[in-house]
Amino acid sequence: MRLLAESYRGASLIVFSNMDRFLVPLLIVAALLLAGSLFSYVTVH
């Protein structure tokens, strides 16, 4: 049981420490898409 708890803690640490590597590029792409859609809406309409 202790080994299971320690391995879960280690796995969750790896997942949470690497979450920013996936989240930051995703947020950058989302911000660029949002800005592009807003500016294209302003210039077209």
C-alpha atoms as a PDB file:
ATOM      1  CA  MET A   1       0.000   0.000   0.000  1.00  0.00           C
ATOM      2  CA  ARG A   2       2.856   2.350   0.831  1.00  0.00           C
ATOM      3  CA  LEU A   3       4.570   1.598  -2.482  1.00  0.00           C
ATOM      4  CA  LEU A   4       1.331   2.323  -4.328  1.00  0.00           C
ATOM      5  CA  ALA A   5       0.924   5.661  -2.528  1.00  0.00           C
ATOM      6  CA  GLU A   6       4.540   6.665  -3.200  1.00  0.00           C
ATOM      7  CA  SER A   7       4.346   5.697  -6.863  1.00  0.00           C
ATOM      8  CA  TYR A   8       1.080   7.637  -7.249  1.00  0.00           C
ATOM      9  CA  ARG A   9       2.684  10.661  -5.603  1.00  0.00           C
ATOM     10  CA  GLY A  10       5.680  10.410  -7.929  1.00  0.00           C
ATOM     11  CA  ALA A  11       3.494  10.012 -11.013  1.00  0.00           C
ATOM     12  CA  SER A  12       1.306  12.962 -10.053  1.00  0.00           C
ATOM     13  CA  LEU A  13       4.426  15.064  -9.440  1.00  0.00           C
ATOM     14  CA  ILE A  14       5.696  14.257 -12.942  1.00  0.00           C
ATOM     15  CA  VAL A  15       2.327  15.039 -14.495  1.00  0.00           C
ATOM     16  CA  PHE A  16       1.902  18.341 -12.653  1.00  0.00           C
ATOM     17  CA  SER A  17       5.492  19.461 -13.233  1.00  0.00           C
ATOM     18  CA  ASN A  18       5.179  18.774 -16.976  1.00  0.00           C
ATOM     19  CA  MET A  19       1.683  20.259 -17.252  1.00  0.00           C
ATOM     20  CA  ASP A  20       3.075  23.715 -18.004  1.00  0.00           C
ATOM     21  CA  ARG A  21       4.962  22.319 -21.002  1.00  0.00           C
ATOM     22  CA  PHE A  22       1.646  21.419 -22.607  1.00  0.00           C
ATOM     23  CA  LEU A  23      -0.437  24.244 -21.184  1.00  0.00           C
ATOM     24  CA  VAL A  24       1.743  27.221 -22.151  1.00  0.00           C
ATOM     25  CA  PRO A  25       1.886  26.483 -25.916  1.00  0.00           C
ATOM     26  CA  LEU A  26      -1.826  25.705 -25.881  1.00  0.00           C
ATOM     27  CA  LEU A  27      -2.598  29.038 -24.213  1.00  0.00           C
ATOM     28  CA  ILE A  28      -0.328  30.892 -26.662  1.00  0.00           C
ATOM     29  CA  VAL A  29      -2.088  29.330 -29.645  1.00  0.00           C
ATOM     30  CA  ALA A  30      -5.494  30.061 -28.121  1.00  0.00           C
ATOM     31  CA  ALA A  31      -4.530  33.703 -27.484  1.00  0.00           C
ATOM     32  CA  LEU A  32      -3.252  34.108 -31.054  1.00  0.00           C
ATOM     33  CA  LEU A  33      -6.416  32.585 -32.498  1.00  0.00           C
ATOM     34  CA  LEU A  34      -8.599  34.787 -30.329  1.00  0.00           C
ATOM     35  CA  ALA A  35      -6.642  37.922 -31.219  1.00  0.00           C
ATOM     36  CA  GLY A  36      -6.715  37.025 -34.910  1.00  0.00           C
ATOM     37  CA  SER A  37     -10.436  36.438 -34.902  1.00  0.00           C
ATOM     38  CA  LEU A  38     -11.090  39.700 -33.023  1.00  0.00           C
ATOM     39  CA  PHE A  39      -8.899  41.799 -35.315  1.00  0.00           C
ATOM     40  CA  SER A  40     -10.273  40.198 -38.459  1.00  0.00           C
ATOM     41  CA  TYR A  41     -13.814  40.871 -37.214  1.00  0.00           C
ATOM     42  CA  VAL A  42     -12.949  44.508 -36.541  1.00  0.00           C
ATOM     43  CA  THR A  43     -11.344  45.037 -39.968  1.00  0.00           C
ATOM     44  CA  VAL A  44     -14.018  43.189 -41.969  1.00  0.00           C
ATOM     45  CA  HIS A  45     -17.097  44.582 -40.235  1.00  0.00           C
END
